[in-house]
Amino acid sequence: MAFEIELMLAIDTAHRAADLARQHQERGVNPERKSDSSPVTIADRECELLIASALENAFPLDGVLGEEGAAKDSRSGRRWIIDPIDGTRDFIRGTPLWCVLIALEAAGEVQLGVAHVPGLGITSWAVRGGGAYRDGSPLRVSAVSDPQQAFVSLNGLDRLVAGPLWNHLGGFAARSWGVRSLGGTPDALLLAEGALDAWIEPKVAPWDLAAVQVIIEEAGGVFGNFEGSRGIYAGSAWAATPGLAPVLRALLVS
């Protein structure tokens, strides 16, 4: 399998970072506020350092991009994209929905992604062209194509309700079978395993998206952004089953 060594390292490193985060959590964490008003803790920074160091030691020519500032130019054409604790608010409050995200980008395309959710005891991963898996079992999106039968995830509800898209999305959500908002990655993983059918993120960063993009696409889902491409750098994202993708594209793409 392509990228087998990289994948095994990413999975192992994600678990080690989660163990370190839990140690901090057990001792208690004092959050700080970043310039964008989002919270950050010493656990975020130390876990990113652990991940970046492990990846750099194994692949010294690769670049790095991390949420907490890890940055290294690539000399190989590859770059690791890291979110050491995705869902810091969940981490601080003790909900089980935070996770560790590690992805590898090469030639402008995410080639592998790992999402480890320690509080739920699950690890999902994918390699481009090799399928998506949760703890070794294949992942597949649902076959739902009727919006009235769709289980929909709307994240960033405060932004959505206040924004111009809500007039369209509110009606879509009201007509759907049900709406959930667990917070980013957990919803994306539920989509990949067929438990949700559509997922919408109005404001999101590349380190939030890199790992889940390849997992969703390898599970048969359609991934896009509000600008009309499938890139991870547009600041927004949506994903859906193939049958619902035209509906979301019509609602969201300007």
Foldseek 3Di string as FASTA:
>chain_A
DPCPVVVVLVVVLQVVLVVQLVVCLVVAWDWDADPVRDTDTVSQVVSVVSSVVSVCVVPVQEWEAEPVDRTDDHPPQKYKYWRSWAPVVCSNVVHQAIWTKIWMDGPQATAKIWTGRVSVRWIKMAGVVGAIDIVNHGWAADPDQDLLAFEEEEEPVVDLVPDPLCVVVVVSQVSHVYYDYPDQPVVLVCRRRHNGFKYWFQFDALSSPSGSLRSNVRNQKDKCAQQGGRHSHPRIIMIGHPSHVVVVNVSRHD
